[in-house]
Amino acid sequence: MSDIHTGTLEPRVTLAERVSLTQLSEVWRGKRLPSGEDVAVKFAASPGSAAALLPEAETVAALLASGVPGVVPAEYSDRPIPHLVLPWKGPRTFRAVLDAARTGDERAAAVGILVEVVKTVAAVHHEGFMHGDLKPENILVDETGRPWLIDFGMARAIHAARLDSRVSQSMDGGDAGWGGTLHYMPPEGLQGDAPAASWDVYALGVMLHEALLGTRPDRAATPDALRALLPAAVADLLLDALAYAPADRSPTAGALLYHLDSVASDLTRTGLSRLFYRARRLAVAGLAAFFVALRYASVAALLSLYVFFLFAMRKEPVAFLAFVPFAIFHVVVRWEGPETPEEAQIRKQGGVVWR
């Protein structure tokens, strides 16, 4: 495409440098003339993938017309070859945010960005579409920290209300040749099932796992280990989004957002707020551990006293007179038994705090 990149594009754009290259497309940074506005220009990597550019622009236009936030506008042109012109949002992607996250505050900030992405994807699903290729590289993060969703080249209509629209007809190329990114594709996608909104949910779950723990779930431990690393509600949320079977997974990003809302404020705490929150959770965990230890220590003490009285009564039967009131007291104020599931849940809620 070097000859095209040095030629004239319509609308009038000059190209400065290539910023990304994949098997399907390449993106260049440029300037719109005569305004001098910074733009990004997306070209298809092959004639076959060029056919997806117009449907992508139409999908984006439909979403923006419906008021979906966080989607970058895309202007289609076929002069002299098919390409898209988008406003420049900066070079930083969510991948860069994840790679730079080392401290607890940085991970909390990454989760906060992802919460906004989930809101955008929930709105996309509500309008009857799925993104189809969610991954950190397809999320731009501008200078203010706001995320922007790009690359709707694999989007699909998922609601019947869209089936008769020109947009969905232009998108309908069948399921053959469906692409995607391996690490963010659900198991059913690898098995050749038809695309569904739950695919996006799985990809969001992978990114949430990365934001919280610094690694993708393909390197994760067992669910029990996950619950040991994260608060129970957060672990359950991840296990829902990453469920192997689609029927066990939240069907849309809207359903995932409903569960995420209950823990988002805790996951996105930074600074002193996060330190106080950690201290409170550790205090609760310590108090719970103290009472558990106290319970079992009291059992050990009681058993020791019973053994003492039994030996004493063998030598001095009069010791029975001291044993009777002790036994009555033990019946009245008796041991409550092993830890109940409800008590265990309360203790786990105050357990280990994520990094």
Protein backbone atom coordinates (compact mmCIF):
# COMPACT_ATOMS: atom_id res chain seq x y z
CA MET A 1 0.00 0.00 0.00
CA SER A 2 2.98 2.30 -0.04
CA ASP A 3 1.78 4.01 -3.22
CA ILE A 4 -1.59 4.74 -1.64
CA HIS A 5 -0.03 6.03 1.55
CA THR A 6 1.90 8.65 -0.43
CA GLY A 7 -1.12 9.56 -2.55
CA THR A 8 -4.23 11.61 -1.83
CA LEU A 9 -7.09 10.21 0.22
CA GLU A 10 -10.67 11.41 0.23
CA PRO A 11 -11.58 13.03 2.52
CA ARG A 12 -8.30 14.89 2.21
CA VAL A 13 -5.85 13.39 4.68
CA THR A 14 -2.08 13.32 4.84
CA LEU A 15 -0.44 10.32 6.48
CA ALA A 16 2.50 10.67 8.87
CA GLU A 17 3.33 7.28 10.44
CA ARG A 18 1.96 3.77 10.81
CA VAL A 19 0.91 3.05 14.39
CA SER A 20 -0.31 -0.56 14.16
CA LEU A 21 -0.24 -3.54 11.83
CA THR A 22 -2.23 -6.79 12.11
CA GLN A 23 -3.18 -9.59 9.75
CA LEU A 24 -6.45 -7.81 8.97
CA SER A 25 -5.60 -4.12 8.97
CA GLU A 26 -3.06 -1.37 9.42
CA VAL A 27 -3.62 2.01 11.06
CA TRP A 28 -1.82 5.23 10.26
CA ARG A 29 -1.73 8.55 12.03
CA GLY A 30 -2.43 11.56 9.84
CA LYS A 31 -3.94 15.02 9.56
CA ARG A 32 -7.17 16.11 7.98
CA LEU A 33 -6.84 18.98 5.52
CA PRO A 34 -7.25 21.90 5.68
CA SER A 35 -8.15 21.90 9.42
CA GLY A 36 -5.00 20.09 10.56
CA GLU A 37 -7.05 17.85 12.88
CA ASP A 38 -5.21 14.70 13.99
CA VAL A 39 -6.87 11.55 12.67
CA ALA A 40 -6.30 7.82 12.46
CA VAL A 41 -6.71 6.09 9.10
CA LYS A 42 -7.49 2.39 8.93
CA PHE A 43 -6.72 0.35 5.81
CA ALA A 44 -7.55 -3.29 5.16
CA ALA A 45 -4.55 -5.60 4.93
CA SER A 46 -6.05 -7.46 1.97
CA PRO A 47 -8.87 -7.09 -0.58
CA GLY A 48 -10.85 -9.69 1.35
CA SER A 49 -10.75 -7.78 4.62
CA ALA A 50 -11.55 -4.52 2.81
CA ALA A 51 -15.13 -5.69 2.44
CA ALA A 52 -15.59 -5.37 6.22
CA LEU A 53 -14.77 -1.66 6.35
CA LEU A 54 -18.14 -0.37 5.11
CA PRO A 55 -20.18 -2.60 7.47
CA GLU A 56 -17.91 -1.49 10.31
CA ALA A 57 -18.59 2.19 9.55
CA GLU A 58 -22.33 1.54 9.30
CA THR A 59 -22.35 -0.34 12.61
CA VAL A 60 -20.52 2.51 14.35
CA ALA A 61 -22.89 5.05 12.80
CA ALA A 62 -25.91 3.07 14.05
CA LEU A 63 -24.48 2.88 17.57
CA LEU A 64 -23.66 6.58 17.69
CA ALA A 65 -27.10 7.47 16.37
CA SER A 66 -28.55 5.50 19.29
CA GLY A 67 -26.44 7.46 21.77
CA VAL A 68 -24.00 4.67 22.72
CA PRO A 69 -21.08 6.32 24.57
CA GLY A 70 -17.40 5.48 24.26
CA VAL A 71 -17.43 4.46 20.57
CA VAL A 72 -15.03 6.21 18.16
CA PRO A 73 -16.76 7.57 15.01
CA ALA A 74 -15.57 6.06 11.71
CA GLU A 75 -15.94 7.76 8.31
CA TYR A 76 -15.83 5.41 5.31
CA SER A 77 -14.37 6.24 1.91
CA ASP A 78 -13.39 4.12 -1.08
CA ARG A 79 -11.30 6.79 -2.82
CA PRO A 80 -8.81 5.73 -3.99
CA ILE A 81 -9.15 2.50 -1.95
CA PRO A 82 -11.45 1.55 0.95
CA HIS A 83 -10.40 3.07 4.27
CA LEU A 84 -11.80 4.54 7.48
CA VAL A 85 -10.96 7.93 8.98
CA LEU A 86 -11.36 8.24 12.77
CA PRO A 87 -10.66 11.02 15.28
CA TRP A 88 -7.25 10.58 16.88
CA LYS A 89 -7.61 9.49 20.52
CA GLY A 90 -3.92 9.00 21.19
CA PRO A 91 -1.63 5.97 20.86
CA ARG A 92 -2.25 4.44 24.30
CA THR A 93 -4.33 1.29 24.49
CA PHE A 94 -5.71 -0.58 27.47
CA ARG A 95 -2.89 -3.07 26.93
CA ALA A 96 -0.41 -0.35 27.88
CA VAL A 97 -2.45 0.41 31.00
CA LEU A 98 -2.42 -3.27 32.03
CA ASP A 99 1.29 -3.68 31.33
CA ALA A 100 2.11 -0.61 33.43
CA ALA A 101 -0.07 -1.62 36.38
CA ARG A 102 2.20 -2.70 39.23
CA THR A 103 0.76 -1.21 42.42
CA GLY A 104 -2.64 -1.72 43.96
CA ASP A 105 -3.68 1.81 42.98
CA GLU A 106 -2.65 1.23 39.36
CA ARG A 107 -4.64 -2.00 39.22
CA ALA A 108 -7.65 -0.25 40.75
CA ALA A 109 -7.37 2.46 38.09
CA ALA A 110 -7.24 -0.22 35.37
CA VAL A 111 -10.38 -1.83 36.80
CA GLY A 112 -12.06 1.59 36.79
CA ILE A 113 -11.31 1.98 33.09
CA LEU A 114 -12.66 -1.50 32.41
CA VAL A 115 -15.89 -0.74 34.27
CA GLU A 116 -16.48 2.07 31.76
CA VAL A 117 -15.77 -0.36 28.92
CA VAL A 118 -18.35 -2.79 30.31
CA LYS A 119 -20.88 0.06 30.32
CA THR A 120 -20.14 0.77 26.66
CA VAL A 121 -20.39 -2.91 25.67
CA ALA A 122 -23.64 -3.20 27.64
CA ALA A 123 -25.05 -0.32 25.56
CA VAL A 124 -23.79 -1.99 22.36
CA HIS A 125 -25.59 -5.21 23.32
CA HIS A 126 -28.73 -3.28 24.22
CA GLU A 127 -28.77 -1.83 20.70
CA GLY A 128 -28.66 -5.30 19.21
CA PHE A 129 -25.00 -5.76 18.33
CA MET A 130 -21.96 -7.61 19.66
CA HIS A 131 -18.39 -6.37 19.22
CA GLY A 132 -16.85 -9.75 18.49
CA ASP A 133 -13.18 -8.91 19.04
CA LEU A 134 -12.87 -7.33 22.47
CA LYS A 135 -9.28 -7.17 23.72
CA PRO A 136 -7.01 -4.57 25.35
CA GLU A 137 -5.59 -3.56 21.97
CA ASN A 138 -9.07 -2.54 20.76
CA ILE A 139 -9.62 -0.14 23.66
CA LEU A 140 -8.00 3.28 23.37
CA VAL A 141 -7.42 5.29 26.56
CA ASP A 142 -7.18 9.03 25.99
CA GLU A 143 -5.23 11.60 28.01
CA THR A 144 -8.09 11.99 30.49
CA GLY A 145 -8.21 8.24 31.17
CA ARG A 146 -11.47 7.73 29.27
CA PRO A 147 -11.68 4.48 27.27
CA TRP A 148 -12.85 4.35 23.65
CA LEU A 149 -13.95 1.20 21.86
CA ILE A 150 -12.62 0.69 18.32
CA ASP A 151 -12.47 -1.98 15.60
CA PHE A 152 -16.03 -3.17 14.99
CA GLY A 153 -14.89 -5.14 11.96
CA MET A 154 -16.20 -8.38 13.46
CA ALA A 155 -19.40 -7.00 14.93
CA ARG A 156 -22.62 -8.94 14.46
CA ALA A 157 -26.33 -8.21 14.90
CA ILE A 158 -27.68 -10.23 17.81
CA HIS A 159 -31.25 -8.94 18.24
CA ALA A 160 -34.16 -9.71 15.96
CA ALA A 161 -34.97 -6.00 15.78
CA ARG A 162 -31.81 -5.54 13.71
CA LEU A 163 -32.29 -8.45 11.33
CA ASP A 164 -34.14 -6.45 8.69
CA SER A 165 -31.90 -3.40 8.87
CA ARG A 166 -29.48 -2.52 6.10
CA VAL A 167 -26.66 -2.55 8.63
CA SER A 168 -27.27 -6.13 9.73
CA GLN A 169 -27.71 -7.27 6.11
CA SER A 170 -24.35 -5.76 5.19
CA MET A 171 -22.83 -7.53 8.20
CA ASP A 172 -24.38 -10.89 7.41
CA GLY A 173 -21.63 -12.86 5.80
CA GLY A 174 -22.38 -16.07 7.69
CA ASP A 175 -20.19 -17.52 10.39
CA ALA A 176 -17.56 -18.87 8.04
CA GLY A 177 -14.24 -17.16 8.40
CA TRP A 178 -15.01 -15.75 11.84
CA GLY A 179 -11.88 -14.32 13.35
CA GLY A 180 -11.00 -13.08 16.78
CA THR A 181 -8.12 -13.18 19.21
CA LEU A 182 -7.33 -16.56 20.73
CA HIS A 183 -6.83 -15.53 24.36
CA TYR A 184 -10.12 -13.58 24.43
CA MET A 185 -12.29 -16.05 22.54
CA PRO A 186 -14.56 -18.34 24.59
CA PRO A 187 -14.36 -22.14 24.34
CA GLU A 188 -17.48 -22.36 22.17
CA GLY A 189 -15.91 -19.93 19.71
CA LEU A 190 -12.94 -22.23 19.27
CA GLN A 191 -15.37 -25.09 18.69
CA GLY A 192 -17.10 -23.29 15.84
CA ASP A 193 -20.36 -22.24 17.51
CA ALA A 194 -22.30 -19.24 16.21
CA PRO A 195 -21.22 -15.86 17.66
CA ALA A 196 -23.24 -14.53 20.60
CA ALA A 197 -23.12 -11.62 23.04
CA SER A 198 -21.73 -13.96 25.70
CA TRP A 199 -18.49 -14.02 23.66
CA ASP A 200 -17.98 -10.37 24.61
CA VAL A 201 -18.72 -11.23 28.25
CA TYR A 202 -15.97 -13.85 28.22
CA ALA A 203 -13.48 -11.36 26.75
CA LEU A 204 -14.40 -8.81 29.43
CA GLY A 205 -13.85 -11.49 32.07
CA VAL A 206 -10.36 -12.20 30.73
CA MET A 207 -9.49 -8.49 30.86
CA LEU A 208 -10.90 -8.16 34.38
CA HIS A 209 -8.73 -11.09 35.46
CA GLU A 210 -5.70 -9.34 33.94
CA ALA A 211 -6.55 -6.06 35.67
CA LEU A 212 -6.98 -7.69 39.08
CA LEU A 213 -4.24 -10.32 39.07
CA GLY A 214 -1.83 -9.27 36.32
CA THR A 215 -2.23 -12.41 34.22
CA ARG A 216 -4.73 -14.02 31.88
CA PRO A 217 -6.87 -16.85 33.27
CA ASP A 218 -5.12 -19.38 31.05
CA ARG A 219 -2.35 -19.13 33.64
CA ALA A 220 -4.71 -19.03 36.61
CA ALA A 221 -5.06 -21.54 39.40
CA THR A 222 -8.23 -23.40 40.36
CA PRO A 223 -11.47 -21.63 41.35
CA ASP A 224 -10.64 -22.37 44.99
CA ALA A 225 -7.31 -20.62 44.59
CA LEU A 226 -9.05 -17.70 42.89
CA ARG A 227 -11.36 -17.36 45.88
CA ALA A 228 -8.30 -17.35 48.12
CA LEU A 229 -6.83 -14.41 46.21
CA LEU A 230 -9.97 -12.30 45.82
CA PRO A 231 -13.05 -11.42 47.87
CA ALA A 232 -15.74 -14.04 47.39
CA ALA A 233 -18.10 -11.74 45.45
CA VAL A 234 -15.33 -10.73 43.04
CA ALA A 235 -14.19 -14.32 42.51
CA ASP A 236 -17.77 -15.38 41.80
CA LEU A 237 -18.12 -12.53 39.29
CA LEU A 238 -14.98 -13.68 37.45
CA LEU A 239 -16.05 -17.31 37.47
CA ASP A 240 -19.40 -16.27 36.00
CA ALA A 241 -17.82 -14.26 33.17
CA LEU A 242 -15.27 -16.99 32.43
CA ALA A 243 -17.65 -19.95 32.66
CA TYR A 244 -16.79 -22.71 30.17
CA ALA A 245 -20.40 -23.29 29.15
CA PRO A 246 -22.31 -20.29 27.68
CA ALA A 247 -25.39 -21.28 29.70
CA ASP A 248 -23.40 -20.72 32.91
CA ARG A 249 -22.14 -17.30 31.80
CA SER A 250 -23.84 -13.91 31.94
CA PRO A 251 -25.59 -13.70 28.55
CA THR A 252 -24.87 -10.01 27.94
CA ALA A 253 -22.60 -7.27 29.21
CA GLY A 254 -25.68 -5.69 30.79
CA ALA A 255 -26.11 -8.74 33.03
CA LEU A 256 -22.41 -8.67 33.86
CA LEU A 257 -22.64 -4.95 34.70
CA TYR A 258 -25.50 -5.66 37.10
CA HIS A 259 -23.24 -7.94 39.15
CA LEU A 260 -20.19 -5.70 38.70
CA ASP A 261 -22.00 -2.67 40.12
CA SER A 262 -22.15 -4.28 43.56
CA VAL A 263 -18.36 -4.59 43.84
CA ALA A 264 -17.09 -1.84 41.49
CA SER A 265 -16.72 0.79 44.21
CA ASP A 266 -14.51 -1.53 46.27
CA LEU A 267 -12.42 -2.63 43.28
CA THR A 268 -11.70 0.91 42.10
CA ARG A 269 -10.66 2.48 45.41
CA THR A 270 -7.31 4.29 45.28
CA GLY A 271 -5.09 6.26 47.66
CA LEU A 272 -6.11 6.61 51.31
CA SER A 273 -9.56 5.22 50.61
CA ARG A 274 -8.02 1.96 49.44
CA LEU A 275 -5.63 1.82 52.42
CA PHE A 276 -8.46 2.32 54.91
CA TYR A 277 -10.55 -0.28 53.09
CA ARG A 278 -7.70 -2.81 53.24
CA ALA A 279 -7.16 -2.07 56.94
CA ARG A 280 -10.84 -2.57 57.68
CA ARG A 281 -10.94 -5.88 55.79
CA LEU A 282 -7.79 -7.11 57.53
CA ALA A 283 -9.25 -6.12 60.90
CA VAL A 284 -12.44 -8.03 60.16
CA ALA A 285 -10.41 -11.04 59.01
CA GLY A 286 -8.24 -10.88 62.15
CA LEU A 287 -11.28 -10.61 64.42
CA ALA A 288 -12.94 -13.55 62.69
CA ALA A 289 -9.77 -15.63 63.02
CA PHE A 290 -9.54 -14.71 66.72
CA PHE A 291 -13.06 -15.91 67.47
CA VAL A 292 -12.54 -19.11 65.48
CA ALA A 293 -9.33 -19.76 67.43
CA LEU A 294 -11.10 -18.89 70.69
CA ARG A 295 -13.87 -21.35 69.92
CA TYR A 296 -11.53 -24.25 69.32
CA ALA A 297 -9.31 -23.24 72.26
CA SER A 298 -12.36 -23.38 74.54
CA VAL A 299 -13.14 -26.87 73.26
CA ALA A 300 -9.60 -27.98 74.03
CA ALA A 301 -9.85 -26.46 77.52
CA LEU A 302 -13.15 -28.22 78.21
CA LEU A 303 -11.80 -31.57 77.07
CA SER A 304 -8.79 -31.06 79.32
CA LEU A 305 -11.03 -30.33 82.31
CA TYR A 306 -13.12 -33.43 81.65
CA VAL A 307 -9.98 -35.57 81.55
CA PHE A 308 -8.79 -33.93 84.78
CA PHE A 309 -12.08 -34.65 86.58
CA LEU A 310 -12.14 -38.26 85.36
CA PHE A 311 -8.68 -38.91 86.74
CA ALA A 312 -9.50 -37.00 89.95
CA MET A 313 -12.68 -39.02 90.56
CA ARG A 314 -10.77 -42.27 90.21
CA LYS A 315 -8.55 -41.25 93.15
CA GLU A 316 -10.96 -39.05 95.11
CA PRO A 317 -14.68 -39.79 94.53
CA VAL A 318 -15.51 -36.55 96.34
CA ALA A 319 -14.28 -34.73 93.20
CA PHE A 320 -17.59 -35.79 91.66
CA LEU A 321 -19.25 -33.05 93.73
CA ALA A 322 -17.17 -30.44 91.85
CA PHE A 323 -17.77 -32.14 88.48
CA VAL A 324 -21.60 -32.03 88.66
CA PRO A 325 -22.00 -28.19 88.67
CA PHE A 326 -19.31 -27.90 86.00
CA ALA A 327 -21.17 -30.37 83.76
CA ILE A 328 -24.48 -28.53 84.35
CA PHE A 329 -22.82 -25.23 83.45
CA HIS A 330 -21.42 -26.77 80.26
CA VAL A 331 -24.89 -27.99 79.23
CA VAL A 332 -26.40 -24.55 79.80
CA VAL A 333 -23.57 -22.64 78.10
CA ARG A 334 -22.68 -25.22 75.50
CA TRP A 335 -20.32 -25.16 72.52
CA GLU A 336 -22.12 -24.03 69.36
CA GLY A 337 -20.46 -26.58 67.14
CA PRO A 338 -18.22 -26.24 64.06
CA GLU A 339 -18.21 -23.13 61.91
CA THR A 340 -21.40 -22.85 59.85
CA PRO A 341 -21.41 -22.06 56.08
CA GLU A 342 -22.88 -18.64 56.86
CA GLU A 343 -20.12 -17.89 59.37
CA ALA A 344 -17.51 -19.12 56.90
CA GLN A 345 -18.92 -16.75 54.25
CA ILE A 346 -18.67 -13.79 56.64
CA ARG A 347 -15.08 -14.73 57.47
CA LYS A 348 -14.16 -15.04 53.77
CA GLN A 349 -15.64 -11.61 53.01
CA GLY A 350 -13.03 -10.22 55.35
CA GLY A 351 -10.30 -12.44 53.97
CA VAL A 352 -7.31 -11.84 51.73
CA VAL A 353 -7.35 -8.60 49.78
CA TRP A 354 -6.21 -8.63 46.15
CA ARG A 355 -2.86 -7.10 45.30
